[in-house]
Amino acid sequence: DVCKYVDRKKLELRNEAERREPKAKWYPNAGALFARYLQGLESSLFVDQLFLAVSGRYRIPAFTIHDAIYVAKTRKKRVRGLLGRVLADAGIRAADSEGEL
């Protein structure tokens, strides 16, 4: 259940923040901590793993703008397959308008 996962992750992040700085007068709320966690995860998956694999290892011309990776239409199927593998390796199941990745 996604809601239970999110609640558990928020609690885990909050506890981690309190362990790191036990005497802090203020801690970010759990929602802010979770948002930062998701941003870091997205960056790791899409830039550090997918983009570097696409543009480096597979030598597919690509560029990023904000939260997107752009490739030629002729390379879309290949990159979509790579994205599916990156997400599966991270334990994430994903789908888009074309079906499951």
N, C-alpha and C. Protein backbone atom coordinates (compact mmCIF):
# COMPACT_ATOMS: atom_id res chain seq x y z
N ASP A 1 0.84 -1.18 0.00
CA ASP A 1 0.00 0.00 0.00
C ASP A 1 0.89 1.25 0.00
N VAL A 2 0.67 2.12 -0.96
CA VAL A 2 1.51 3.30 -1.14
C VAL A 2 1.43 4.24 0.06
N CYS A 3 0.24 4.46 0.59
CA CYS A 3 0.09 5.38 1.73
C CYS A 3 0.89 4.89 2.93
N LYS A 4 0.85 3.62 3.19
CA LYS A 4 1.61 3.07 4.31
C LYS A 4 3.11 3.22 4.08
N TYR A 5 3.55 2.98 2.85
CA TYR A 5 4.96 3.14 2.52
C TYR A 5 5.40 4.58 2.76
N VAL A 6 4.62 5.54 2.26
CA VAL A 6 4.97 6.95 2.41
C VAL A 6 5.03 7.33 3.88
N ASP A 7 4.04 6.93 4.66
CA ASP A 7 4.03 7.24 6.09
C ASP A 7 5.24 6.63 6.80
N ARG A 8 5.57 5.38 6.47
CA ARG A 8 6.75 4.73 7.07
C ARG A 8 8.04 5.45 6.70
N LYS A 9 8.14 5.84 5.44
CA LYS A 9 9.35 6.52 4.96
C LYS A 9 9.49 7.88 5.63
N LYS A 10 8.39 8.61 5.79
CA LYS A 10 8.43 9.91 6.46
C LYS A 10 8.92 9.76 7.90
N LEU A 11 8.38 8.77 8.60
CA LEU A 11 8.79 8.52 9.98
C LEU A 11 10.27 8.15 10.04
N GLU A 12 10.70 7.32 9.12
CA GLU A 12 12.11 6.91 9.06
C GLU A 12 13.02 8.12 8.83
N LEU A 13 12.64 9.00 7.91
CA LEU A 13 13.43 10.19 7.61
C LEU A 13 13.47 11.15 8.79
N ARG A 14 12.33 11.29 9.46
CA ARG A 14 12.27 12.17 10.64
C ARG A 14 13.17 11.63 11.74
N ASN A 15 13.09 10.33 12.01
CA ASN A 15 13.93 9.71 13.04
C ASN A 15 15.41 9.85 12.70
N GLU A 16 15.73 9.70 11.43
CA GLU A 16 17.12 9.84 10.98
C GLU A 16 17.62 11.27 11.23
N ALA A 17 16.78 12.26 10.93
CA ALA A 17 17.15 13.66 11.17
C ALA A 17 17.39 13.92 12.65
N GLU A 18 16.54 13.36 13.50
CA GLU A 18 16.69 13.54 14.94
C GLU A 18 17.94 12.83 15.47
N ARG A 19 18.29 11.68 14.87
CA ARG A 19 19.51 10.96 15.28
C ARG A 19 20.76 11.74 14.89
N ARG A 20 20.73 12.35 13.71
CA ARG A 20 21.89 13.11 13.24
C ARG A 20 22.15 14.34 14.09
N GLU A 21 21.10 15.01 14.50
CA GLU A 21 21.22 16.23 15.29
C GLU A 21 20.28 16.16 16.48
N PRO A 22 20.63 15.36 17.50
CA PRO A 22 19.71 15.12 18.62
C PRO A 22 19.34 16.36 19.43
N LYS A 23 20.17 17.39 19.40
CA LYS A 23 19.87 18.57 20.22
C LYS A 23 19.43 19.77 19.40
N ALA A 24 19.06 19.54 18.18
CA ALA A 24 18.61 20.65 17.32
C ALA A 24 17.31 21.24 17.86
N LYS A 25 17.16 22.54 17.70
CA LYS A 25 15.95 23.21 18.18
C LYS A 25 14.80 23.09 17.19
N TRP A 26 15.13 22.77 15.94
CA TRP A 26 14.11 22.68 14.91
C TRP A 26 14.49 21.60 13.91
N TYR A 27 13.50 20.84 13.46
CA TYR A 27 13.68 19.82 12.43
C TYR A 27 12.70 20.10 11.30
N PRO A 28 13.11 19.85 10.06
CA PRO A 28 12.14 19.99 8.97
C PRO A 28 10.98 19.01 9.19
N ASN A 29 9.80 19.39 8.71
CA ASN A 29 8.68 18.46 8.87
C ASN A 29 8.87 17.25 7.97
N ALA A 30 8.14 16.21 8.25
CA ALA A 30 8.30 14.95 7.54
C ALA A 30 8.00 15.10 6.05
N GLY A 31 7.05 15.95 5.70
CA GLY A 31 6.73 16.17 4.29
C GLY A 31 7.90 16.76 3.53
N ALA A 32 8.58 17.74 4.14
CA ALA A 32 9.75 18.36 3.50
C ALA A 32 10.89 17.35 3.37
N LEU A 33 11.09 16.55 4.39
CA LEU A 33 12.13 15.52 4.33
C LEU A 33 11.83 14.51 3.23
N PHE A 34 10.56 14.13 3.10
CA PHE A 34 10.16 13.17 2.08
C PHE A 34 10.34 13.77 0.67
N ALA A 35 10.00 15.05 0.52
CA ALA A 35 10.16 15.71 -0.78
C ALA A 35 11.64 15.72 -1.19
N ARG A 36 12.53 16.02 -0.24
CA ARG A 36 13.97 16.00 -0.54
C ARG A 36 14.43 14.60 -0.89
N TYR A 37 13.91 13.61 -0.18
CA TYR A 37 14.25 12.21 -0.47
C TYR A 37 13.85 11.86 -1.91
N LEU A 38 12.63 12.24 -2.31
CA LEU A 38 12.16 11.93 -3.66
C LEU A 38 12.98 12.66 -4.72
N GLN A 39 13.35 13.92 -4.45
CA GLN A 39 14.17 14.67 -5.40
C GLN A 39 15.54 14.01 -5.57
N GLY A 40 16.11 13.56 -4.48
CA GLY A 40 17.40 12.87 -4.56
C GLY A 40 17.29 11.56 -5.31
N LEU A 41 16.22 10.82 -5.05
CA LEU A 41 15.99 9.55 -5.74
C LEU A 41 15.81 9.78 -7.24
N GLU A 42 15.01 10.77 -7.59
CA GLU A 42 14.78 11.09 -9.00
C GLU A 42 16.09 11.47 -9.69
N SER A 43 16.87 12.32 -9.04
CA SER A 43 18.16 12.73 -9.60
C SER A 43 19.08 11.53 -9.80
N SER A 44 19.13 10.68 -8.81
CA SER A 44 19.99 9.49 -8.90
C SER A 44 19.56 8.58 -10.05
N LEU A 45 18.26 8.32 -10.15
CA LEU A 45 17.76 7.41 -11.17
C LEU A 45 17.87 7.98 -12.58
N PHE A 46 17.41 9.23 -12.75
CA PHE A 46 17.32 9.77 -14.10
C PHE A 46 18.61 10.40 -14.60
N VAL A 47 19.38 11.03 -13.73
CA VAL A 47 20.62 11.66 -14.19
C VAL A 47 21.80 10.73 -14.00
N ASP A 48 22.03 10.30 -12.76
CA ASP A 48 23.21 9.48 -12.46
C ASP A 48 23.18 8.12 -13.14
N GLN A 49 22.03 7.54 -13.29
CA GLN A 49 21.97 6.20 -13.88
C GLN A 49 21.51 6.22 -15.33
N LEU A 50 20.28 6.69 -15.58
CA LEU A 50 19.73 6.62 -16.94
C LEU A 50 20.47 7.52 -17.92
N PHE A 51 20.59 8.80 -17.62
CA PHE A 51 21.20 9.72 -18.57
C PHE A 51 22.66 9.34 -18.84
N LEU A 52 23.40 8.99 -17.80
CA LEU A 52 24.80 8.62 -18.01
C LEU A 52 24.92 7.34 -18.83
N ALA A 53 24.01 6.40 -18.63
CA ALA A 53 24.02 5.18 -19.44
C ALA A 53 23.67 5.49 -20.89
N VAL A 54 22.63 6.29 -21.09
CA VAL A 54 22.17 6.62 -22.44
C VAL A 54 23.25 7.37 -23.21
N SER A 55 23.76 8.45 -22.61
CA SER A 55 24.71 9.30 -23.34
C SER A 55 26.13 8.76 -23.31
N GLY A 56 26.47 7.97 -22.30
CA GLY A 56 27.82 7.45 -22.19
C GLY A 56 27.97 6.05 -22.72
N ARG A 57 27.51 5.09 -21.97
CA ARG A 57 27.69 3.68 -22.34
C ARG A 57 27.06 3.34 -23.68
N TYR A 58 25.84 3.81 -23.94
CA TYR A 58 25.15 3.46 -25.19
C TYR A 58 25.34 4.50 -26.30
N ARG A 59 25.98 5.60 -25.96
CA ARG A 59 26.30 6.66 -26.93
C ARG A 59 25.09 7.13 -27.74
N ILE A 60 23.97 7.27 -27.08
CA ILE A 60 22.77 7.80 -27.70
C ILE A 60 22.74 9.30 -27.43
N PRO A 61 22.70 10.13 -28.47
CA PRO A 61 22.65 11.58 -28.24
C PRO A 61 21.43 11.94 -27.40
N ALA A 62 21.66 12.66 -26.30
CA ALA A 62 20.57 13.01 -25.39
C ALA A 62 20.94 14.28 -24.63
N PHE A 63 19.92 14.96 -24.12
CA PHE A 63 20.16 16.09 -23.23
C PHE A 63 19.03 16.16 -22.22
N THR A 64 19.29 16.86 -21.12
CA THR A 64 18.28 16.97 -20.07
C THR A 64 17.78 18.40 -19.99
N ILE A 65 16.52 18.54 -19.66
CA ILE A 65 15.91 19.82 -19.31
C ILE A 65 15.01 19.54 -18.13
N HIS A 66 15.31 20.18 -17.02
CA HIS A 66 14.58 19.99 -15.76
C HIS A 66 14.49 18.50 -15.44
N ASP A 67 13.31 17.94 -15.47
CA ASP A 67 13.14 16.53 -15.07
C ASP A 67 12.90 15.61 -16.26
N ALA A 68 13.44 15.96 -17.42
CA ALA A 68 13.21 15.16 -18.61
C ALA A 68 14.53 14.86 -19.33
N ILE A 69 14.55 13.74 -20.01
CA ILE A 69 15.68 13.37 -20.87
C ILE A 69 15.14 13.32 -22.29
N TYR A 70 15.76 14.09 -23.18
CA TYR A 70 15.31 14.15 -24.56
C TYR A 70 16.23 13.34 -25.46
N VAL A 71 15.61 12.51 -26.31
CA VAL A 71 16.34 11.72 -27.29
C VAL A 71 15.54 11.77 -28.59
N ALA A 72 16.19 11.38 -29.68
CA ALA A 72 15.50 11.34 -30.97
C ALA A 72 14.38 10.30 -30.91
N LYS A 73 13.31 10.55 -31.66
CA LYS A 73 12.19 9.60 -31.70
C LYS A 73 12.64 8.20 -32.08
N THR A 74 13.65 8.13 -32.93
CA THR A 74 14.13 6.82 -33.37
C THR A 74 14.80 6.04 -32.24
N ARG A 75 15.15 6.70 -31.16
CA ARG A 75 15.81 6.05 -30.01
C ARG A 75 14.88 5.86 -28.82
N LYS A 76 13.64 6.32 -28.96
CA LYS A 76 12.70 6.30 -27.84
C LYS A 76 12.49 4.89 -27.28
N LYS A 77 12.28 3.92 -28.13
CA LYS A 77 12.01 2.56 -27.68
C LYS A 77 13.20 2.01 -26.87
N ARG A 78 14.40 2.25 -27.36
CA ARG A 78 15.60 1.76 -26.68
C ARG A 78 15.75 2.42 -25.30
N VAL A 79 15.58 3.73 -25.25
CA VAL A 79 15.73 4.46 -23.99
C VAL A 79 14.62 4.09 -23.02
N ARG A 80 13.42 3.89 -23.52
CA ARG A 80 12.31 3.46 -22.67
C ARG A 80 12.63 2.11 -22.02
N GLY A 81 13.22 1.20 -22.78
CA GLY A 81 13.64 -0.08 -22.24
C GLY A 81 14.71 0.07 -21.17
N LEU A 82 15.67 0.98 -21.41
CA LEU A 82 16.71 1.24 -20.40
C LEU A 82 16.10 1.82 -19.14
N LEU A 83 15.13 2.73 -19.29
CA LEU A 83 14.45 3.30 -18.13
C LEU A 83 13.76 2.21 -17.32
N GLY A 84 13.10 1.31 -18.01
CA GLY A 84 12.44 0.20 -17.32
C GLY A 84 13.42 -0.61 -16.49
N ARG A 85 14.61 -0.85 -17.04
CA ARG A 85 15.63 -1.60 -16.30
C ARG A 85 16.16 -0.83 -15.09
N VAL A 86 16.40 0.46 -15.28
CA VAL A 86 16.89 1.29 -14.17
C VAL A 86 15.88 1.28 -13.03
N LEU A 87 14.61 1.46 -13.38
CA LEU A 87 13.57 1.48 -12.34
C LEU A 87 13.40 0.11 -11.70
N ALA A 88 13.42 -0.95 -12.48
CA ALA A 88 13.28 -2.30 -11.92
C ALA A 88 14.44 -2.61 -10.98
N ASP A 89 15.66 -2.20 -11.34
CA ASP A 89 16.81 -2.42 -10.48
C ASP A 89 16.67 -1.69 -9.15
N ALA A 90 15.92 -0.58 -9.17
CA ALA A 90 15.68 0.20 -7.95
C ALA A 90 14.44 -0.31 -7.19
N GLY A 91 13.79 -1.34 -7.72
CA GLY A 91 12.61 -1.89 -7.07
C GLY A 91 11.35 -1.08 -7.33
N ILE A 92 11.34 -0.34 -8.44
CA ILE A 92 10.20 0.50 -8.77
C ILE A 92 9.50 -0.05 -10.01
N ARG A 93 8.22 -0.23 -9.90
CA ARG A 93 7.40 -0.70 -11.02
C ARG A 93 6.73 0.53 -11.63
N ALA A 94 6.85 0.72 -12.93
CA ALA A 94 6.32 1.93 -13.55
C ALA A 94 5.63 1.63 -14.86
N ALA A 95 4.74 2.54 -15.25
CA ALA A 95 4.02 2.43 -16.50
C ALA A 95 3.74 3.84 -17.03
N ASP A 96 3.50 3.94 -18.31
CA ASP A 96 3.08 5.20 -18.89
C ASP A 96 1.93 4.92 -19.86
N SER A 97 1.62 5.89 -20.71
CA SER A 97 0.48 5.71 -21.62
C SER A 97 0.68 4.57 -22.62
N GLU A 98 1.92 4.13 -22.77
CA GLU A 98 2.20 3.02 -23.69
C GLU A 98 2.25 1.67 -22.98
N GLY A 99 2.02 1.67 -21.69
CA GLY A 99 2.03 0.42 -20.95
C GLY A 99 3.14 0.35 -19.91
N GLU A 100 3.30 -0.84 -19.36
CA GLU A 100 4.31 -1.02 -18.32
C GLU A 100 5.72 -0.94 -18.90
N LEU A 101 6.60 -0.34 -18.14
CA LEU A 101 8.00 -0.22 -18.59
C LEU A 101 8.74 -1.50 -18.29
